[in-house]
Amino acid sequence: MYAIIETGGKQYRVSEGSVCRVEKLPADAGTEVVFEKVLVINNEDETQVGSPYVAGAKVLGKVLSHGKGKKIIVFKFKPKKNYRRKQGHRQPFTQVIIEKIELPVG
């Protein structure tokens, strides 16, 4: 069984027990989070597709930790104009373990 959820403007394919890195959430480590924007739920025998979301479906998770991703370098350059700008960036993330996928009632 798996579900496709939307959080932070991105979509993630998750299943029970899987660990995923999502965009940073305003929750402390060890707290429960509920993802209510469920796009697709695939059970072994049927698939439910929302328009845009599956009504009544939820995905429950637990925040494991927060962190920052790998550093990327942003370098801007314009030839013959003596223009160079170097900037680094590390994207923050939240690591979540998926505990349960709740199907809609009915």
N, C-alpha and C. Protein backbone atom coordinates (compact mmCIF):
# COMPACT_ATOMS: atom_id res chain seq x y z
N MET A 1 0.85 -1.17 0.00
CA MET A 1 0.00 0.00 0.00
C MET A 1 0.90 1.24 0.00
N TYR A 2 0.57 2.19 -0.85
CA TYR A 2 1.32 3.43 -0.86
C TYR A 2 0.37 4.60 -1.13
N ALA A 3 0.87 5.80 -0.87
CA ALA A 3 0.10 7.01 -1.11
C ALA A 3 1.03 8.07 -1.69
N ILE A 4 0.45 8.99 -2.41
CA ILE A 4 1.20 10.15 -2.91
C ILE A 4 0.64 11.36 -2.19
N ILE A 5 1.53 12.06 -1.46
CA ILE A 5 1.11 13.22 -0.67
C ILE A 5 1.76 14.47 -1.24
N GLU A 6 1.17 15.61 -0.88
CA GLU A 6 1.73 16.90 -1.29
C GLU A 6 2.05 17.70 -0.04
N THR A 7 3.27 18.18 0.05
CA THR A 7 3.67 19.05 1.15
C THR A 7 4.84 19.90 0.69
N GLY A 8 4.80 21.16 1.06
CA GLY A 8 5.88 22.06 0.68
C GLY A 8 5.96 22.32 -0.81
N GLY A 9 4.84 22.18 -1.53
CA GLY A 9 4.85 22.40 -2.97
C GLY A 9 5.43 21.26 -3.76
N LYS A 10 5.72 20.13 -3.12
CA LYS A 10 6.29 18.97 -3.81
C LYS A 10 5.43 17.75 -3.51
N GLN A 11 5.59 16.72 -4.32
CA GLN A 11 4.83 15.49 -4.15
C GLN A 11 5.78 14.36 -3.80
N TYR A 12 5.35 13.49 -2.88
CA TYR A 12 6.17 12.39 -2.40
C TYR A 12 5.36 11.10 -2.42
N ARG A 13 6.00 10.01 -2.85
CA ARG A 13 5.39 8.68 -2.80
C ARG A 13 5.85 8.03 -1.51
N VAL A 14 4.91 7.71 -0.63
CA VAL A 14 5.25 7.17 0.68
C VAL A 14 4.48 5.88 0.94
N SER A 15 5.05 5.05 1.79
CA SER A 15 4.37 3.85 2.26
C SER A 15 4.62 3.74 3.75
N GLU A 16 3.89 2.87 4.41
CA GLU A 16 4.02 2.74 5.86
C GLU A 16 5.41 2.24 6.21
N GLY A 17 6.06 2.92 7.14
CA GLY A 17 7.41 2.55 7.57
C GLY A 17 8.52 3.23 6.79
N SER A 18 8.19 3.95 5.73
CA SER A 18 9.23 4.61 4.94
C SER A 18 9.66 5.92 5.59
N VAL A 19 10.91 6.28 5.36
CA VAL A 19 11.47 7.53 5.88
C VAL A 19 11.71 8.45 4.69
N CYS A 20 11.21 9.68 4.76
CA CYS A 20 11.39 10.60 3.65
C CYS A 20 11.81 11.97 4.16
N ARG A 21 12.48 12.72 3.30
CA ARG A 21 12.89 14.08 3.60
C ARG A 21 11.95 15.03 2.88
N VAL A 22 11.23 15.83 3.66
CA VAL A 22 10.30 16.80 3.08
C VAL A 22 10.81 18.21 3.38
N GLU A 23 10.18 19.20 2.76
CA GLU A 23 10.54 20.58 3.07
C GLU A 23 10.31 20.83 4.55
N LYS A 24 11.07 21.76 5.11
CA LYS A 24 11.05 21.97 6.56
C LYS A 24 9.65 22.26 7.08
N LEU A 25 9.27 21.52 8.14
CA LEU A 25 7.96 21.67 8.78
C LEU A 25 8.12 22.36 10.12
N PRO A 26 7.14 23.16 10.53
CA PRO A 26 7.23 23.83 11.83
C PRO A 26 6.80 22.91 12.97
N ALA A 27 7.54 21.83 13.18
CA ALA A 27 7.22 20.86 14.23
C ALA A 27 8.52 20.39 14.87
N ASP A 28 8.48 20.13 16.17
CA ASP A 28 9.66 19.66 16.88
C ASP A 28 9.88 18.18 16.63
N ALA A 29 11.11 17.73 16.86
CA ALA A 29 11.43 16.32 16.69
C ALA A 29 10.63 15.49 17.68
N GLY A 30 10.07 14.38 17.21
CA GLY A 30 9.28 13.50 18.06
C GLY A 30 7.79 13.77 18.03
N THR A 31 7.35 14.85 17.39
CA THR A 31 5.93 15.15 17.35
C THR A 31 5.27 14.50 16.13
N GLU A 32 3.97 14.34 16.23
CA GLU A 32 3.19 13.75 15.15
C GLU A 32 2.82 14.82 14.12
N VAL A 33 2.83 14.44 12.85
CA VAL A 33 2.37 15.34 11.78
C VAL A 33 1.33 14.59 10.96
N VAL A 34 0.37 15.35 10.44
CA VAL A 34 -0.71 14.77 9.64
C VAL A 34 -0.67 15.43 8.26
N PHE A 35 -0.57 14.63 7.23
CA PHE A 35 -0.62 15.12 5.86
C PHE A 35 -2.01 14.83 5.32
N GLU A 36 -2.80 15.89 5.08
CA GLU A 36 -4.17 15.72 4.62
C GLU A 36 -4.31 15.91 3.12
N LYS A 37 -3.27 16.41 2.47
CA LYS A 37 -3.31 16.58 1.02
C LYS A 37 -2.81 15.29 0.37
N VAL A 38 -3.70 14.31 0.27
CA VAL A 38 -3.38 13.01 -0.31
C VAL A 38 -3.93 12.99 -1.74
N LEU A 39 -3.04 12.80 -2.70
CA LEU A 39 -3.44 12.82 -4.11
C LEU A 39 -3.90 11.45 -4.60
N VAL A 40 -3.19 10.39 -4.20
CA VAL A 40 -3.48 9.03 -4.67
C VAL A 40 -3.28 8.07 -3.52
N ILE A 41 -4.16 7.09 -3.40
CA ILE A 41 -3.95 5.96 -2.48
C ILE A 41 -4.07 4.69 -3.29
N ASN A 42 -3.06 3.85 -3.21
CA ASN A 42 -3.05 2.58 -3.93
C ASN A 42 -3.04 1.46 -2.90
N ASN A 43 -4.16 0.74 -2.84
CA ASN A 43 -4.24 -0.47 -2.03
C ASN A 43 -3.90 -1.62 -2.97
N GLU A 44 -3.77 -2.82 -2.46
CA GLU A 44 -3.40 -3.94 -3.33
C GLU A 44 -4.45 -4.20 -4.41
N ASP A 45 -5.73 -3.95 -4.11
CA ASP A 45 -6.78 -4.30 -5.05
C ASP A 45 -7.41 -3.10 -5.76
N GLU A 46 -7.20 -1.88 -5.24
CA GLU A 46 -7.82 -0.72 -5.90
C GLU A 46 -6.95 0.52 -5.74
N THR A 47 -7.18 1.48 -6.63
CA THR A 47 -6.48 2.76 -6.59
C THR A 47 -7.51 3.87 -6.52
N GLN A 48 -7.32 4.78 -5.57
CA GLN A 48 -8.21 5.92 -5.44
C GLN A 48 -7.44 7.17 -5.83
N VAL A 49 -7.96 7.89 -6.81
CA VAL A 49 -7.33 9.11 -7.30
C VAL A 49 -8.23 10.27 -6.94
N GLY A 50 -7.65 11.30 -6.32
CA GLY A 50 -8.42 12.45 -5.92
C GLY A 50 -8.53 13.48 -7.03
N SER A 51 -9.43 14.43 -6.82
CA SER A 51 -9.54 15.52 -7.78
C SER A 51 -9.73 16.83 -7.04
N PRO A 52 -8.74 17.51 -6.55
CA PRO A 52 -7.34 17.12 -6.60
C PRO A 52 -6.91 16.21 -5.46
N TYR A 53 -7.66 16.16 -4.35
CA TYR A 53 -7.27 15.34 -3.20
C TYR A 53 -8.33 14.29 -2.91
N VAL A 54 -7.90 13.19 -2.30
CA VAL A 54 -8.81 12.13 -1.89
C VAL A 54 -9.50 12.60 -0.60
N ALA A 55 -10.82 12.69 -0.63
CA ALA A 55 -11.58 13.20 0.52
C ALA A 55 -11.53 12.20 1.67
N GLY A 56 -11.18 12.69 2.86
CA GLY A 56 -11.17 11.85 4.05
C GLY A 56 -9.92 11.04 4.27
N ALA A 57 -8.96 11.10 3.37
CA ALA A 57 -7.73 10.33 3.52
C ALA A 57 -6.69 11.14 4.27
N LYS A 58 -5.90 10.46 5.10
CA LYS A 58 -4.83 11.10 5.86
C LYS A 58 -3.61 10.20 5.89
N VAL A 59 -2.46 10.82 6.00
CA VAL A 59 -1.21 10.08 6.21
C VAL A 59 -0.60 10.62 7.50
N LEU A 60 -0.36 9.72 8.44
CA LEU A 60 0.19 10.09 9.74
C LEU A 60 1.68 9.80 9.77
N GLY A 61 2.45 10.75 10.28
CA GLY A 61 3.89 10.57 10.36
C GLY A 61 4.43 11.11 11.66
N LYS A 62 5.72 10.88 11.87
CA LYS A 62 6.40 11.34 13.07
C LYS A 62 7.70 12.00 12.65
N VAL A 63 7.97 13.19 13.19
CA VAL A 63 9.19 13.92 12.84
C VAL A 63 10.38 13.27 13.54
N LEU A 64 11.37 12.87 12.75
CA LEU A 64 12.58 12.29 13.32
C LEU A 64 13.62 13.35 13.63
N SER A 65 13.90 14.22 12.66
CA SER A 65 14.93 15.23 12.86
C SER A 65 14.79 16.33 11.82
N HIS A 66 15.54 17.40 12.05
CA HIS A 66 15.66 18.49 11.09
C HIS A 66 17.12 18.57 10.67
N GLY A 67 17.35 19.12 9.49
CA GLY A 67 18.73 19.25 9.03
C GLY A 67 18.82 20.15 7.82
N LYS A 68 20.02 20.20 7.26
CA LYS A 68 20.25 20.97 6.05
C LYS A 68 20.85 20.05 5.00
N GLY A 69 20.47 20.28 3.76
CA GLY A 69 20.95 19.46 2.66
C GLY A 69 22.38 19.81 2.27
N LYS A 70 22.83 19.20 1.21
CA LYS A 70 24.18 19.42 0.69
C LYS A 70 24.30 20.84 0.15
N LYS A 71 25.47 21.44 0.31
CA LYS A 71 25.67 22.82 -0.12
C LYS A 71 25.77 22.89 -1.65
N ILE A 72 25.08 23.87 -2.21
CA ILE A 72 25.22 24.15 -3.63
C ILE A 72 25.80 25.55 -3.77
N ILE A 73 26.50 25.79 -4.86
CA ILE A 73 27.13 27.07 -5.12
C ILE A 73 26.35 27.77 -6.24
N VAL A 74 25.97 29.02 -5.99
CA VAL A 74 25.31 29.85 -7.00
C VAL A 74 26.34 30.88 -7.42
N PHE A 75 26.75 30.84 -8.70
CA PHE A 75 27.78 31.76 -9.20
C PHE A 75 27.24 32.53 -10.38
N LYS A 76 27.22 33.84 -10.25
CA LYS A 76 26.77 34.71 -11.33
C LYS A 76 27.98 35.37 -11.95
N PHE A 77 27.98 35.48 -13.27
CA PHE A 77 29.14 36.02 -13.98
C PHE A 77 28.68 36.70 -15.25
N LYS A 78 29.19 37.90 -15.48
CA LYS A 78 28.93 38.60 -16.74
C LYS A 78 30.29 38.93 -17.36
N PRO A 79 30.51 38.46 -18.56
CA PRO A 79 31.82 38.68 -19.17
C PRO A 79 32.08 40.15 -19.49
N LYS A 80 33.34 40.54 -19.37
CA LYS A 80 33.86 41.87 -19.73
C LYS A 80 33.31 42.99 -18.87
N LYS A 81 32.60 42.71 -17.79
CA LYS A 81 32.01 43.75 -16.95
C LYS A 81 32.53 43.70 -15.51
N ASN A 82 33.45 42.81 -15.22
CA ASN A 82 34.01 42.64 -13.87
C ASN A 82 32.90 42.38 -12.85
N TYR A 83 31.95 41.50 -13.21
CA TYR A 83 30.82 41.17 -12.35
C TYR A 83 30.89 39.70 -12.00
N ARG A 84 31.15 39.41 -10.73
CA ARG A 84 31.19 38.04 -10.24
C ARG A 84 30.54 38.01 -8.85
N ARG A 85 29.63 37.11 -8.65
CA ARG A 85 28.97 36.95 -7.35
C ARG A 85 28.93 35.46 -7.01
N LYS A 86 29.44 35.12 -5.84
CA LYS A 86 29.44 33.72 -5.40
C LYS A 86 28.61 33.63 -4.13
N GLN A 87 27.67 32.68 -4.12
CA GLN A 87 26.80 32.52 -2.97
C GLN A 87 26.54 31.04 -2.77
N GLY A 88 26.53 30.59 -1.52
CA GLY A 88 26.22 29.21 -1.19
C GLY A 88 24.82 29.09 -0.62
N HIS A 89 24.25 27.89 -0.69
CA HIS A 89 22.90 27.66 -0.16
C HIS A 89 22.80 26.21 0.33
N ARG A 90 22.17 26.03 1.49
CA ARG A 90 21.85 24.70 2.01
C ARG A 90 20.36 24.70 2.33
N GLN A 91 19.62 23.84 1.66
CA GLN A 91 18.17 23.79 1.81
C GLN A 91 17.81 23.04 3.09
N PRO A 92 17.01 23.65 3.99
CA PRO A 92 16.59 22.94 5.20
C PRO A 92 15.54 21.88 4.88
N PHE A 93 15.56 20.78 5.65
CA PHE A 93 14.59 19.70 5.46
C PHE A 93 14.17 19.14 6.80
N THR A 94 13.09 18.36 6.77
CA THR A 94 12.60 17.63 7.93
C THR A 94 12.52 16.16 7.55
N GLN A 95 13.09 15.31 8.37
CA GLN A 95 13.05 13.87 8.11
C GLN A 95 11.86 13.28 8.86
N VAL A 96 10.97 12.60 8.12
CA VAL A 96 9.71 12.10 8.67
C VAL A 96 9.60 10.60 8.40
N ILE A 97 9.15 9.86 9.40
CA ILE A 97 8.83 8.44 9.20
C ILE A 97 7.31 8.33 9.10
N ILE A 98 6.85 7.60 8.11
CA ILE A 98 5.41 7.43 7.88
C ILE A 98 4.93 6.26 8.72
N GLU A 99 3.96 6.54 9.60
CA GLU A 99 3.48 5.50 10.52
C GLU A 99 2.22 4.82 10.02
N LYS A 100 1.30 5.58 9.43
CA LYS A 100 0.02 4.98 9.03
C LYS A 100 -0.60 5.76 7.89
N ILE A 101 -1.22 5.02 6.96
CA ILE A 101 -2.01 5.61 5.89
C ILE A 101 -3.45 5.28 6.18
N GLU A 102 -4.27 6.32 6.43
CA GLU A 102 -5.68 6.11 6.75
C GLU A 102 -6.53 6.27 5.51
N LEU A 103 -7.29 5.24 5.21
CA LEU A 103 -8.19 5.27 4.06
C LEU A 103 -9.44 6.07 4.39
N PRO A 104 -10.08 6.64 3.39
CA PRO A 104 -11.33 7.36 3.65
C PRO A 104 -12.44 6.38 4.04
N VAL A 105 -13.33 6.84 4.89
CA VAL A 105 -14.44 6.00 5.36
C VAL A 105 -15.53 6.00 4.29
N GLY A 106 -16.00 4.80 3.95
CA GLY A 106 -17.10 4.72 3.00
C GLY A 106 -16.86 3.93 1.80
